[in-house]
Amino acid sequence: MSESAVNTKSEKSFLPAAGWDWLLPLYDPFVKLLGGEAARKQLVEQAQLQPGHNVLDVGCGTGTLAILTKQLHPGVALTGLDPDPKALASARSKAGRARVSVQFDQGFGDHLPYPVGIFDRVFSSLMYHHVPAEQKGALLKEVYRVLKPGGEFHLCDFEAHEGGMHDFLLRISHPKDRLKDNTEERVLRLMEQAGFSDCRKTGRRSMFVGMVAYYSGKH
């Protein structure tokens, strides 16, 4: 994804989920083909959701994770946040077709529009690499702020380039500068600096374009 793909129609710039606005209709089937749906389901299972939990999906894009979570756990309250109005329009349409209730809000992860301590779980799914390096710490601090005491943050994203065929495909779809901070050491250090405890890498999963790493941290 090129820096020229950054959307500049809002006060702050952001990278659309598909890289370019015109690719948005192809984003969902493409990610599903690459194994994204299974990767997201693993993240949901990791979170051990309970009825009554209030859940936030940061960088929800077209709403796939939020809708899947609501389908698997109808007793939780779901909110999805993303800066891209076109992706949010798609998410709302998908939720309507799936007949699930999900609140979709427009906003940025480093300035979450929610009060302190209202969520039991916060998800970040395949979007952390979209966040500029200088904003990653602010994003994690905001996630910590909106979590309840005892709440948990669950993240999955592509790992930094390691070599091999997966790495070759990942380099084609995701420039190195977008993934250079996605090492285990760097992710865990930033989580700890944001205030999280029991920060750990919980697993890995292979997608067609590369390896996905899973992390968790507690408030």
N, C-alpha and C. Protein backbone atom coordinates (compact mmCIF):
# COMPACT_ATOMS: atom_id res chain seq x y z
N MET A 1 0.84 -1.19 0.00
CA MET A 1 0.00 0.00 0.00
C MET A 1 0.87 1.24 0.00
N SER A 2 0.62 2.13 -0.87
CA SER A 2 1.45 3.31 -1.03
C SER A 2 0.98 4.44 -0.14
N GLU A 3 1.92 5.30 0.26
CA GLU A 3 1.56 6.48 1.03
C GLU A 3 0.58 7.35 0.26
N SER A 4 0.63 7.27 -1.08
CA SER A 4 -0.30 8.07 -1.87
C SER A 4 -1.73 7.61 -1.71
N ALA A 5 -1.90 6.41 -1.11
CA ALA A 5 -3.24 5.90 -0.89
C ALA A 5 -3.88 6.49 0.35
N VAL A 6 -3.14 7.26 1.12
CA VAL A 6 -3.69 7.82 2.35
C VAL A 6 -4.80 8.80 2.03
N ASN A 7 -5.93 8.60 2.70
CA ASN A 7 -7.10 9.45 2.51
C ASN A 7 -6.87 10.77 3.23
N THR A 8 -7.10 11.87 2.54
CA THR A 8 -6.87 13.19 3.15
C THR A 8 -8.14 14.03 3.19
N LYS A 9 -9.30 13.38 3.14
CA LYS A 9 -10.57 14.10 3.12
C LYS A 9 -11.08 14.43 4.51
N SER A 10 -10.40 13.96 5.57
CA SER A 10 -10.80 14.28 6.92
C SER A 10 -9.72 15.13 7.56
N GLU A 11 -9.96 15.56 8.80
CA GLU A 11 -8.99 16.41 9.47
C GLU A 11 -7.65 15.71 9.63
N LYS A 12 -7.67 14.41 9.87
CA LYS A 12 -6.46 13.62 9.96
C LYS A 12 -6.44 12.63 8.81
N SER A 13 -5.24 12.27 8.38
CA SER A 13 -5.13 11.30 7.30
C SER A 13 -5.26 9.89 7.85
N PHE A 14 -5.66 8.97 7.00
CA PHE A 14 -5.74 7.57 7.37
C PHE A 14 -5.58 6.73 6.11
N LEU A 15 -5.17 5.50 6.32
CA LEU A 15 -5.01 4.57 5.22
C LEU A 15 -6.26 3.71 5.14
N PRO A 16 -7.03 3.78 4.05
CA PRO A 16 -8.23 2.95 3.92
C PRO A 16 -7.89 1.48 4.04
N ALA A 17 -8.86 0.69 4.47
CA ALA A 17 -8.63 -0.74 4.70
C ALA A 17 -8.06 -1.42 3.47
N ALA A 18 -8.56 -1.08 2.29
CA ALA A 18 -8.12 -1.72 1.06
C ALA A 18 -6.96 -0.99 0.39
N GLY A 19 -6.48 0.09 1.03
CA GLY A 19 -5.39 0.87 0.45
C GLY A 19 -5.88 2.00 -0.42
N TRP A 20 -6.87 1.71 -1.25
CA TRP A 20 -7.47 2.71 -2.14
C TRP A 20 -8.99 2.61 -2.02
N ASP A 21 -9.68 3.74 -2.07
CA ASP A 21 -11.14 3.73 -1.92
C ASP A 21 -11.81 2.85 -2.97
N TRP A 22 -11.30 2.86 -4.20
CA TRP A 22 -11.97 2.12 -5.27
C TRP A 22 -11.84 0.61 -5.10
N LEU A 23 -10.92 0.16 -4.21
CA LEU A 23 -10.77 -1.26 -3.96
C LEU A 23 -11.67 -1.77 -2.83
N LEU A 24 -12.38 -0.87 -2.15
CA LEU A 24 -13.16 -1.25 -0.98
C LEU A 24 -14.15 -2.38 -1.27
N PRO A 25 -14.89 -2.38 -2.41
CA PRO A 25 -15.83 -3.48 -2.66
C PRO A 25 -15.15 -4.85 -2.75
N LEU A 26 -13.86 -4.87 -3.05
CA LEU A 26 -13.13 -6.14 -3.18
C LEU A 26 -12.46 -6.57 -1.88
N TYR A 27 -12.46 -5.69 -0.89
CA TYR A 27 -11.68 -5.94 0.32
C TYR A 27 -12.17 -7.18 1.07
N ASP A 28 -13.46 -7.27 1.36
CA ASP A 28 -13.97 -8.40 2.14
C ASP A 28 -13.73 -9.75 1.47
N PRO A 29 -14.11 -9.94 0.20
CA PRO A 29 -13.84 -11.25 -0.41
C PRO A 29 -12.36 -11.57 -0.51
N PHE A 30 -11.53 -10.54 -0.72
CA PHE A 30 -10.09 -10.76 -0.83
C PHE A 30 -9.51 -11.23 0.50
N VAL A 31 -9.86 -10.55 1.59
CA VAL A 31 -9.35 -10.92 2.92
C VAL A 31 -9.85 -12.31 3.32
N LYS A 32 -11.10 -12.60 3.00
CA LYS A 32 -11.64 -13.93 3.32
C LYS A 32 -10.88 -15.01 2.57
N LEU A 33 -10.58 -14.76 1.30
CA LEU A 33 -9.83 -15.71 0.48
C LEU A 33 -8.45 -15.98 1.06
N LEU A 34 -7.84 -14.96 1.65
CA LEU A 34 -6.49 -15.08 2.20
C LEU A 34 -6.47 -15.71 3.60
N GLY A 35 -7.64 -15.95 4.17
CA GLY A 35 -7.71 -16.57 5.49
C GLY A 35 -8.03 -15.62 6.62
N GLY A 36 -8.47 -14.42 6.28
CA GLY A 36 -8.73 -13.42 7.30
C GLY A 36 -9.87 -13.78 8.24
N GLU A 37 -10.90 -14.45 7.74
CA GLU A 37 -12.05 -14.78 8.58
C GLU A 37 -11.64 -15.75 9.69
N ALA A 38 -10.86 -16.75 9.35
CA ALA A 38 -10.40 -17.71 10.36
C ALA A 38 -9.47 -17.04 11.36
N ALA A 39 -8.63 -16.11 10.86
CA ALA A 39 -7.72 -15.40 11.75
C ALA A 39 -8.48 -14.56 12.76
N ARG A 40 -9.54 -13.93 12.32
CA ARG A 40 -10.34 -13.10 13.22
C ARG A 40 -11.12 -13.95 14.21
N LYS A 41 -11.62 -15.08 13.76
CA LYS A 41 -12.36 -15.96 14.67
C LYS A 41 -11.46 -16.42 15.81
N GLN A 42 -10.20 -16.70 15.52
CA GLN A 42 -9.25 -17.09 16.56
C GLN A 42 -9.08 -15.98 17.59
N LEU A 43 -9.07 -14.73 17.13
CA LEU A 43 -8.94 -13.60 18.04
C LEU A 43 -10.15 -13.51 18.97
N VAL A 44 -11.34 -13.72 18.42
CA VAL A 44 -12.56 -13.68 19.23
C VAL A 44 -12.53 -14.80 20.28
N GLU A 45 -12.13 -15.99 19.88
CA GLU A 45 -12.07 -17.11 20.81
C GLU A 45 -11.08 -16.84 21.93
N GLN A 46 -9.99 -16.18 21.61
CA GLN A 46 -8.97 -15.86 22.61
C GLN A 46 -9.51 -14.96 23.72
N ALA A 47 -10.46 -14.11 23.39
CA ALA A 47 -10.95 -13.10 24.33
C ALA A 47 -11.90 -13.64 25.39
N GLN A 48 -12.42 -14.86 25.20
CA GLN A 48 -13.30 -15.50 26.18
C GLN A 48 -14.42 -14.55 26.63
N LEU A 49 -15.19 -14.12 25.67
CA LEU A 49 -16.29 -13.18 25.95
C LEU A 49 -17.39 -13.83 26.77
N GLN A 50 -18.05 -13.00 27.57
CA GLN A 50 -19.16 -13.43 28.40
C GLN A 50 -20.38 -12.56 28.13
N PRO A 51 -21.60 -13.10 28.31
CA PRO A 51 -22.81 -12.28 28.14
C PRO A 51 -22.73 -11.03 29.01
N GLY A 52 -23.10 -9.91 28.44
CA GLY A 52 -23.06 -8.65 29.16
C GLY A 52 -21.80 -7.85 28.93
N HIS A 53 -20.78 -8.45 28.34
CA HIS A 53 -19.55 -7.71 28.05
C HIS A 53 -19.81 -6.58 27.06
N ASN A 54 -19.13 -5.47 27.28
CA ASN A 54 -19.16 -4.33 26.36
C ASN A 54 -17.85 -4.35 25.58
N VAL A 55 -17.93 -4.45 24.26
CA VAL A 55 -16.76 -4.73 23.43
C VAL A 55 -16.57 -3.65 22.38
N LEU A 56 -15.32 -3.22 22.20
CA LEU A 56 -14.96 -2.24 21.19
C LEU A 56 -14.01 -2.87 20.18
N ASP A 57 -14.29 -2.65 18.90
CA ASP A 57 -13.39 -3.05 17.81
C ASP A 57 -12.79 -1.79 17.22
N VAL A 58 -11.50 -1.56 17.52
CA VAL A 58 -10.81 -0.36 17.04
C VAL A 58 -10.30 -0.60 15.62
N GLY A 59 -10.58 0.34 14.72
CA GLY A 59 -10.20 0.15 13.32
C GLY A 59 -11.01 -0.95 12.70
N CYS A 60 -12.32 -0.89 12.89
CA CYS A 60 -13.21 -1.99 12.49
C CYS A 60 -13.34 -2.15 10.99
N GLY A 61 -12.94 -1.15 10.21
CA GLY A 61 -13.05 -1.27 8.75
C GLY A 61 -14.49 -1.52 8.31
N THR A 62 -14.69 -2.57 7.53
CA THR A 62 -16.02 -2.89 7.02
C THR A 62 -16.85 -3.72 7.99
N GLY A 63 -16.39 -3.85 9.22
CA GLY A 63 -17.20 -4.44 10.28
C GLY A 63 -17.18 -5.95 10.40
N THR A 64 -16.29 -6.62 9.69
CA THR A 64 -16.30 -8.08 9.67
C THR A 64 -16.13 -8.68 11.06
N LEU A 65 -15.11 -8.21 11.82
CA LEU A 65 -14.87 -8.77 13.15
C LEU A 65 -16.02 -8.45 14.10
N ALA A 66 -16.52 -7.23 14.07
CA ALA A 66 -17.60 -6.84 14.97
C ALA A 66 -18.86 -7.68 14.71
N ILE A 67 -19.19 -7.87 13.44
CA ILE A 67 -20.38 -8.65 13.08
C ILE A 67 -20.19 -10.11 13.46
N LEU A 68 -19.01 -10.65 13.17
CA LEU A 68 -18.72 -12.04 13.54
C LEU A 68 -18.83 -12.23 15.04
N THR A 69 -18.29 -11.28 15.80
CA THR A 69 -18.33 -11.37 17.26
C THR A 69 -19.77 -11.37 17.76
N LYS A 70 -20.58 -10.52 17.20
CA LYS A 70 -21.99 -10.44 17.62
C LYS A 70 -22.74 -11.71 17.25
N GLN A 71 -22.41 -12.31 16.12
CA GLN A 71 -23.05 -13.55 15.73
C GLN A 71 -22.66 -14.69 16.66
N LEU A 72 -21.39 -14.73 17.07
CA LEU A 72 -20.91 -15.79 17.95
C LEU A 72 -21.33 -15.57 19.40
N HIS A 73 -21.49 -14.29 19.78
CA HIS A 73 -21.83 -13.93 21.17
C HIS A 73 -22.94 -12.88 21.17
N PRO A 74 -24.17 -13.29 20.89
CA PRO A 74 -25.27 -12.31 20.81
C PRO A 74 -25.54 -11.56 22.09
N GLY A 75 -25.02 -12.05 23.22
CA GLY A 75 -25.27 -11.40 24.50
C GLY A 75 -24.32 -10.28 24.84
N VAL A 76 -23.37 -9.95 23.95
CA VAL A 76 -22.44 -8.85 24.22
C VAL A 76 -22.89 -7.61 23.46
N ALA A 77 -22.45 -6.45 23.93
CA ALA A 77 -22.71 -5.19 23.24
C ALA A 77 -21.48 -4.86 22.40
N LEU A 78 -21.67 -4.53 21.12
CA LEU A 78 -20.56 -4.33 20.20
C LEU A 78 -20.54 -2.92 19.65
N THR A 79 -19.36 -2.29 19.67
CA THR A 79 -19.12 -1.00 19.04
C THR A 79 -17.92 -1.12 18.13
N GLY A 80 -18.05 -0.62 16.91
CA GLY A 80 -16.93 -0.58 15.98
C GLY A 80 -16.56 0.86 15.69
N LEU A 81 -15.27 1.14 15.64
CA LEU A 81 -14.78 2.49 15.39
C LEU A 81 -13.82 2.48 14.21
N ASP A 82 -13.98 3.44 13.29
CA ASP A 82 -13.07 3.56 12.15
C ASP A 82 -13.15 5.00 11.62
N PRO A 83 -12.04 5.51 11.06
CA PRO A 83 -12.07 6.87 10.52
C PRO A 83 -12.67 6.96 9.12
N ASP A 84 -12.83 5.83 8.45
CA ASP A 84 -13.23 5.82 7.04
C ASP A 84 -14.76 5.75 6.90
N PRO A 85 -15.41 6.83 6.47
CA PRO A 85 -16.87 6.82 6.35
C PRO A 85 -17.39 5.81 5.34
N LYS A 86 -16.62 5.55 4.30
CA LYS A 86 -17.06 4.58 3.30
C LYS A 86 -17.03 3.16 3.85
N ALA A 87 -15.99 2.85 4.60
CA ALA A 87 -15.93 1.53 5.24
C ALA A 87 -17.05 1.37 6.25
N LEU A 88 -17.35 2.43 7.00
CA LEU A 88 -18.43 2.37 7.99
C LEU A 88 -19.79 2.19 7.33
N ALA A 89 -19.99 2.83 6.18
CA ALA A 89 -21.25 2.64 5.45
C ALA A 89 -21.41 1.19 5.04
N SER A 90 -20.32 0.58 4.60
CA SER A 90 -20.35 -0.83 4.25
C SER A 90 -20.63 -1.69 5.47
N ALA A 91 -20.00 -1.34 6.60
CA ALA A 91 -20.19 -2.10 7.84
C ALA A 91 -21.65 -2.06 8.29
N ARG A 92 -22.25 -0.89 8.24
CA ARG A 92 -23.66 -0.77 8.66
C ARG A 92 -24.57 -1.57 7.74
N SER A 93 -24.27 -1.55 6.46
CA SER A 93 -25.07 -2.32 5.51
C SER A 93 -24.94 -3.82 5.77
N LYS A 94 -23.72 -4.28 6.03
CA LYS A 94 -23.48 -5.69 6.32
C LYS A 94 -24.18 -6.13 7.61
N ALA A 95 -24.12 -5.27 8.64
CA ALA A 95 -24.78 -5.61 9.90
C ALA A 95 -26.29 -5.71 9.71
N GLY A 96 -26.84 -4.83 8.86
CA GLY A 96 -28.27 -4.89 8.58
C GLY A 96 -28.65 -6.19 7.88
N ARG A 97 -27.84 -6.60 6.91
CA ARG A 97 -28.12 -7.85 6.19
C ARG A 97 -27.98 -9.05 7.12
N ALA A 98 -27.03 -8.97 8.05
CA ALA A 98 -26.82 -10.07 8.99
C ALA A 98 -27.81 -10.04 10.15
N ARG A 99 -28.58 -8.96 10.26
CA ARG A 99 -29.58 -8.78 11.30
C ARG A 99 -28.96 -8.86 12.69
N VAL A 100 -27.85 -8.15 12.84
CA VAL A 100 -27.22 -8.02 14.15
C VAL A 100 -27.11 -6.54 14.50
N SER A 101 -27.12 -6.26 15.79
CA SER A 101 -27.05 -4.88 16.27
C SER A 101 -25.62 -4.54 16.68
N VAL A 102 -25.00 -3.66 15.90
CA VAL A 102 -23.66 -3.18 16.19
C VAL A 102 -23.65 -1.67 16.00
N GLN A 103 -23.09 -0.95 16.96
CA GLN A 103 -22.95 0.50 16.83
C GLN A 103 -21.64 0.80 16.12
N PHE A 104 -21.72 1.55 15.03
CA PHE A 104 -20.51 1.92 14.29
C PHE A 104 -20.31 3.43 14.38
N ASP A 105 -19.13 3.83 14.89
CA ASP A 105 -18.80 5.23 15.08
C ASP A 105 -17.59 5.62 14.24
N GLN A 106 -17.55 6.88 13.84
CA GLN A 106 -16.40 7.39 13.10
C GLN A 106 -15.43 8.07 14.06
N GLY A 107 -14.16 7.72 13.98
CA GLY A 107 -13.17 8.33 14.84
C GLY A 107 -11.83 7.64 14.70
N PHE A 108 -10.85 8.17 15.42
CA PHE A 108 -9.48 7.66 15.35
C PHE A 108 -9.10 6.97 16.65
N GLY A 109 -8.26 5.94 16.52
CA GLY A 109 -7.87 5.15 17.68
C GLY A 109 -7.05 5.89 18.70
N ASP A 110 -6.30 6.93 18.28
CA ASP A 110 -5.47 7.65 19.24
C ASP A 110 -6.23 8.75 19.96
N HIS A 111 -7.52 8.92 19.62
CA HIS A 111 -8.40 9.84 20.35
C HIS A 111 -9.79 9.20 20.41
N LEU A 112 -9.92 8.15 21.20
CA LEU A 112 -11.18 7.41 21.26
C LEU A 112 -12.28 8.27 21.87
N PRO A 113 -13.44 8.36 21.21
CA PRO A 113 -14.52 9.22 21.68
C PRO A 113 -15.41 8.56 22.73
N TYR A 114 -14.78 7.97 23.75
CA TYR A 114 -15.51 7.24 24.78
C TYR A 114 -14.96 7.61 26.15
N PRO A 115 -15.80 7.52 27.19
CA PRO A 115 -15.33 7.85 28.54
C PRO A 115 -14.41 6.78 29.10
N VAL A 116 -13.82 7.08 30.22
CA VAL A 116 -12.89 6.18 30.89
C VAL A 116 -13.61 4.91 31.36
N GLY A 117 -12.98 3.77 31.15
CA GLY A 117 -13.40 2.53 31.78
C GLY A 117 -14.78 2.01 31.44
N ILE A 118 -15.14 1.94 30.17
CA ILE A 118 -16.49 1.45 29.84
C ILE A 118 -16.50 0.12 29.09
N PHE A 119 -15.34 -0.35 28.62
CA PHE A 119 -15.31 -1.58 27.83
C PHE A 119 -14.65 -2.71 28.61
N ASP A 120 -15.22 -3.91 28.44
CA ASP A 120 -14.64 -5.12 29.04
C ASP A 120 -13.55 -5.71 28.15
N ARG A 121 -13.71 -5.55 26.85
CA ARG A 121 -12.73 -6.05 25.90
C ARG A 121 -12.57 -5.02 24.77
N VAL A 122 -11.35 -4.91 24.27
CA VAL A 122 -11.08 -4.11 23.08
C VAL A 122 -10.30 -4.99 22.10
N PHE A 123 -10.76 -4.99 20.84
CA PHE A 123 -10.10 -5.74 19.78
C PHE A 123 -9.37 -4.81 18.81
N SER A 124 -8.29 -5.31 18.25
CA SER A 124 -7.64 -4.69 17.10
C SER A 124 -7.27 -5.82 16.16
N SER A 125 -7.86 -5.81 14.97
CA SER A 125 -7.72 -6.93 14.05
C SER A 125 -7.15 -6.48 12.71
N LEU A 126 -5.92 -6.88 12.43
CA LEU A 126 -5.26 -6.65 11.14
C LEU A 126 -5.26 -5.18 10.75
N MET A 127 -5.14 -4.28 11.74
CA MET A 127 -5.10 -2.85 11.44
C MET A 127 -3.94 -2.12 12.10
N TYR A 128 -3.29 -2.76 13.07
CA TYR A 128 -2.24 -2.09 13.85
C TYR A 128 -1.13 -1.56 12.94
N HIS A 129 -0.82 -2.30 11.86
CA HIS A 129 0.24 -1.87 10.95
C HIS A 129 -0.15 -0.64 10.14
N HIS A 130 -1.44 -0.31 10.10
CA HIS A 130 -1.88 0.91 9.42
C HIS A 130 -1.57 2.17 10.22
N VAL A 131 -1.36 2.01 11.53
CA VAL A 131 -1.15 3.16 12.41
C VAL A 131 0.30 3.61 12.30
N PRO A 132 0.55 4.90 12.01
CA PRO A 132 1.94 5.39 11.96
C PRO A 132 2.67 5.13 13.26
N ALA A 133 3.97 4.91 13.16
CA ALA A 133 4.78 4.54 14.33
C ALA A 133 4.62 5.53 15.47
N GLU A 134 4.56 6.82 15.14
CA GLU A 134 4.49 7.84 16.18
C GLU A 134 3.12 7.90 16.86
N GLN A 135 2.12 7.18 16.33
CA GLN A 135 0.78 7.18 16.91
C GLN A 135 0.44 5.88 17.63
N LYS A 136 1.28 4.86 17.48
CA LYS A 136 0.97 3.56 18.07
C LYS A 136 0.88 3.64 19.59
N GLY A 137 1.81 4.35 20.22
CA GLY A 137 1.77 4.48 21.67
C GLY A 137 0.51 5.17 22.15
N ALA A 138 0.10 6.22 21.44
CA ALA A 138 -1.12 6.95 21.81
C ALA A 138 -2.35 6.06 21.66
N LEU A 139 -2.37 5.26 20.60
CA LEU A 139 -3.48 4.32 20.40
C LEU A 139 -3.60 3.37 21.58
N LEU A 140 -2.49 2.76 21.98
CA LEU A 140 -2.52 1.79 23.07
C LEU A 140 -2.89 2.44 24.41
N LYS A 141 -2.45 3.67 24.63
CA LYS A 141 -2.82 4.38 25.85
C LYS A 141 -4.32 4.69 25.88
N GLU A 142 -4.88 5.01 24.72
CA GLU A 142 -6.32 5.26 24.65
C GLU A 142 -7.11 3.98 24.89
N VAL A 143 -6.63 2.88 24.33
CA VAL A 143 -7.30 1.60 24.58
C VAL A 143 -7.28 1.28 26.08
N TYR A 144 -6.15 1.50 26.71
CA TYR A 144 -6.05 1.26 28.15
C TYR A 144 -7.01 2.16 28.92
N ARG A 145 -7.13 3.39 28.49
CA ARG A 145 -8.00 4.35 29.18
C ARG A 145 -9.45 3.92 29.17
N VAL A 146 -9.94 3.39 28.05
CA VAL A 146 -11.37 3.08 27.94
C VAL A 146 -11.71 1.69 28.47
N LEU A 147 -10.70 0.89 28.82
CA LEU A 147 -10.97 -0.42 29.40
C LEU A 147 -11.33 -0.31 30.89
N LYS A 148 -12.22 -1.18 31.31
CA LYS A 148 -12.53 -1.29 32.73
C LYS A 148 -11.36 -1.94 33.47
N PRO A 149 -11.21 -1.69 34.76
CA PRO A 149 -10.23 -2.46 35.53
C PRO A 149 -10.52 -3.95 35.37
N GLY A 150 -9.51 -4.71 35.02
CA GLY A 150 -9.71 -6.12 34.75
C GLY A 150 -10.05 -6.42 33.30
N GLY A 151 -10.27 -5.37 32.51
CA GLY A 151 -10.58 -5.56 31.10
C GLY A 151 -9.35 -6.00 30.31
N GLU A 152 -9.57 -6.43 29.09
CA GLU A 152 -8.48 -7.00 28.30
C GLU A 152 -8.45 -6.44 26.88
N PHE A 153 -7.25 -6.32 26.37
CA PHE A 153 -7.00 -5.90 24.99
C PHE A 153 -6.48 -7.10 24.21
N HIS A 154 -7.07 -7.35 23.04
CA HIS A 154 -6.68 -8.48 22.20
C HIS A 154 -6.38 -7.98 20.80
N LEU A 155 -5.18 -8.27 20.34
CA LEU A 155 -4.68 -7.73 19.08
C LEU A 155 -4.16 -8.87 18.20
N CYS A 156 -4.45 -8.79 16.91
CA CYS A 156 -3.77 -9.65 15.94
C CYS A 156 -3.37 -8.80 14.74
N ASP A 157 -2.17 -9.09 14.23
CA ASP A 157 -1.69 -8.34 13.06
C ASP A 157 -0.54 -9.10 12.42
N PHE A 158 -0.20 -8.68 11.20
CA PHE A 158 0.91 -9.31 10.49
C PHE A 158 2.22 -9.05 11.23
N GLU A 159 3.09 -10.05 11.20
CA GLU A 159 4.40 -9.89 11.80
C GLU A 159 5.35 -9.20 10.83
N ALA A 160 6.41 -8.65 11.38
CA ALA A 160 7.44 -8.03 10.54
C ALA A 160 8.02 -9.07 9.59
N HIS A 161 8.53 -8.60 8.46
CA HIS A 161 9.06 -9.49 7.44
C HIS A 161 10.15 -10.40 7.99
N GLU A 162 10.04 -11.69 7.66
CA GLU A 162 11.01 -12.66 8.18
C GLU A 162 11.72 -13.44 7.07
N GLY A 163 11.24 -13.38 5.84
CA GLY A 163 11.85 -14.16 4.76
C GLY A 163 10.95 -15.31 4.35
N GLY A 164 11.23 -15.90 3.17
CA GLY A 164 10.45 -17.01 2.67
C GLY A 164 9.32 -16.55 1.77
N MET A 165 8.54 -17.53 1.27
CA MET A 165 7.47 -17.23 0.33
C MET A 165 6.42 -16.32 0.94
N HIS A 166 6.01 -16.61 2.21
CA HIS A 166 5.03 -15.75 2.87
C HIS A 166 5.54 -14.32 2.93
N ASP A 167 6.82 -14.18 3.25
CA ASP A 167 7.40 -12.85 3.35
C ASP A 167 7.38 -12.14 2.01
N PHE A 168 7.64 -12.86 0.94
CA PHE A 168 7.61 -12.28 -0.40
C PHE A 168 6.23 -11.72 -0.72
N LEU A 169 5.20 -12.52 -0.44
CA LEU A 169 3.83 -12.07 -0.71
C LEU A 169 3.45 -10.90 0.19
N LEU A 170 3.94 -10.93 1.45
CA LEU A 170 3.63 -9.85 2.37
C LEU A 170 4.29 -8.55 1.93
N ARG A 171 5.52 -8.64 1.41
CA ARG A 171 6.22 -7.44 0.93
C ARG A 171 5.47 -6.80 -0.23
N ILE A 172 4.84 -7.61 -1.06
CA ILE A 172 4.09 -7.09 -2.20
C ILE A 172 2.88 -6.30 -1.72
N SER A 173 2.18 -6.83 -0.74
CA SER A 173 0.92 -6.21 -0.29
C SER A 173 1.10 -5.19 0.82
N HIS A 174 2.20 -5.28 1.59
CA HIS A 174 2.42 -4.38 2.72
C HIS A 174 3.86 -3.92 2.74
N PRO A 175 4.13 -2.65 2.45
CA PRO A 175 5.51 -2.14 2.46
C PRO A 175 6.20 -2.39 3.80
N LYS A 176 7.51 -2.55 3.75
CA LYS A 176 8.29 -2.88 4.95
C LYS A 176 8.14 -1.84 6.04
N ASP A 177 8.03 -0.56 5.67
CA ASP A 177 7.94 0.48 6.70
C ASP A 177 6.65 0.40 7.49
N ARG A 178 5.62 -0.25 6.94
CA ARG A 178 4.37 -0.41 7.66
C ARG A 178 4.42 -1.54 8.68
N LEU A 179 5.38 -2.45 8.52
CA LEU A 179 5.44 -3.62 9.38
C LEU A 179 6.68 -3.67 10.27
N LYS A 180 7.59 -2.69 10.11
CA LYS A 180 8.84 -2.76 10.85
C LYS A 180 8.66 -2.72 12.36
N ASP A 181 7.56 -2.12 12.84
CA ASP A 181 7.31 -2.06 14.28
C ASP A 181 6.56 -3.29 14.80
N ASN A 182 6.20 -4.21 13.91
CA ASN A 182 5.38 -5.35 14.32
C ASN A 182 6.22 -6.55 14.75
N THR A 183 7.30 -6.28 15.47
CA THR A 183 8.05 -7.36 16.10
C THR A 183 7.46 -7.63 17.48
N GLU A 184 7.65 -8.84 17.96
CA GLU A 184 7.12 -9.19 19.28
C GLU A 184 7.66 -8.25 20.35
N GLU A 185 8.94 -7.98 20.32
CA GLU A 185 9.56 -7.12 21.33
C GLU A 185 8.95 -5.73 21.32
N ARG A 186 8.77 -5.16 20.13
CA ARG A 186 8.25 -3.80 20.01
C ARG A 186 6.79 -3.72 20.44
N VAL A 187 5.98 -4.66 20.01
CA VAL A 187 4.55 -4.63 20.36
C VAL A 187 4.37 -4.75 21.87
N LEU A 188 5.05 -5.72 22.47
CA LEU A 188 4.90 -5.93 23.91
C LEU A 188 5.44 -4.75 24.72
N ARG A 189 6.54 -4.16 24.27
CA ARG A 189 7.09 -3.01 24.99
C ARG A 189 6.12 -1.83 24.97
N LEU A 190 5.52 -1.55 23.82
CA LEU A 190 4.57 -0.45 23.73
C LEU A 190 3.32 -0.71 24.57
N MET A 191 2.88 -1.96 24.61
CA MET A 191 1.72 -2.29 25.45
C MET A 191 2.04 -2.06 26.92
N GLU A 192 3.22 -2.49 27.35
CA GLU A 192 3.62 -2.28 28.74
C GLU A 192 3.75 -0.80 29.07
N GLN A 193 4.31 -0.02 28.14
CA GLN A 193 4.46 1.41 28.35
C GLN A 193 3.10 2.11 28.44
N ALA A 194 2.08 1.53 27.80
CA ALA A 194 0.74 2.11 27.85
C ALA A 194 0.03 1.79 29.15
N GLY A 195 0.60 0.87 29.94
CA GLY A 195 0.02 0.55 31.23
C GLY A 195 -0.49 -0.88 31.38
N PHE A 196 -0.49 -1.65 30.31
CA PHE A 196 -1.03 -3.01 30.38
C PHE A 196 -0.13 -3.93 31.20
N SER A 197 -0.76 -4.89 31.87
CA SER A 197 -0.04 -5.92 32.60
C SER A 197 -0.28 -7.27 31.92
N ASP A 198 0.52 -8.25 32.31
CA ASP A 198 0.42 -9.61 31.74
C ASP A 198 0.41 -9.56 30.21
N CYS A 199 1.27 -8.73 29.65
CA CYS A 199 1.35 -8.61 28.19
C CYS A 199 2.08 -9.82 27.62
N ARG A 200 1.48 -10.45 26.64
CA ARG A 200 2.11 -11.63 26.08
C ARG A 200 1.67 -11.90 24.66
N LYS A 201 2.53 -12.58 23.96
CA LYS A 201 2.19 -13.09 22.63
C LYS A 201 1.50 -14.42 22.84
N THR A 202 0.29 -14.54 22.33
CA THR A 202 -0.52 -15.72 22.64
C THR A 202 -0.53 -16.76 21.53
N GLY A 203 -0.02 -16.43 20.34
CA GLY A 203 -0.01 -17.42 19.28
C GLY A 203 0.33 -16.81 17.94
N ARG A 204 0.39 -17.68 16.94
CA ARG A 204 0.65 -17.27 15.56
C ARG A 204 -0.28 -18.07 14.64
N ARG A 205 -0.51 -17.52 13.47
CA ARG A 205 -1.33 -18.21 12.49
C ARG A 205 -0.84 -17.84 11.10
N SER A 206 -0.83 -18.78 10.21
CA SER A 206 -0.39 -18.54 8.84
C SER A 206 -1.57 -18.12 7.97
N MET A 207 -1.42 -16.97 7.32
CA MET A 207 -2.34 -16.57 6.26
C MET A 207 -1.58 -16.66 4.94
N PHE A 208 -2.30 -16.60 3.85
CA PHE A 208 -1.68 -16.79 2.55
C PHE A 208 -0.57 -15.78 2.29
N VAL A 209 -0.74 -14.55 2.82
CA VAL A 209 0.25 -13.50 2.55
C VAL A 209 1.25 -13.31 3.68
N GLY A 210 1.18 -14.10 4.73
CA GLY A 210 2.15 -13.93 5.80
C GLY A 210 1.67 -14.46 7.14
N MET A 211 2.54 -14.36 8.15
CA MET A 211 2.22 -14.82 9.48
C MET A 211 1.51 -13.73 10.28
N VAL A 212 0.52 -14.16 11.02
CA VAL A 212 -0.23 -13.26 11.90
C VAL A 212 0.10 -13.61 13.34
N ALA A 213 0.41 -12.62 14.15
CA ALA A 213 0.71 -12.82 15.56
C ALA A 213 -0.45 -12.32 16.42
N TYR A 214 -0.65 -12.98 17.55
CA TYR A 214 -1.73 -12.64 18.48
C TYR A 214 -1.13 -12.19 19.81
N TYR A 215 -1.73 -11.15 20.38
CA TYR A 215 -1.24 -10.58 21.65
C TYR A 215 -2.42 -10.30 22.57
N SER A 216 -2.13 -10.22 23.85
CA SER A 216 -3.15 -9.81 24.83
C SER A 216 -2.48 -9.05 25.96
N GLY A 217 -3.26 -8.20 26.60
CA GLY A 217 -2.81 -7.45 27.76
C GLY A 217 -4.00 -7.12 28.64
N LYS A 218 -3.75 -6.95 29.93
CA LYS A 218 -4.82 -6.69 30.89
C LYS A 218 -4.70 -5.30 31.50
N HIS A 219 -5.86 -4.73 31.80
CA HIS A 219 -5.90 -3.44 32.51
C HIS A 219 -5.57 -3.68 33.97
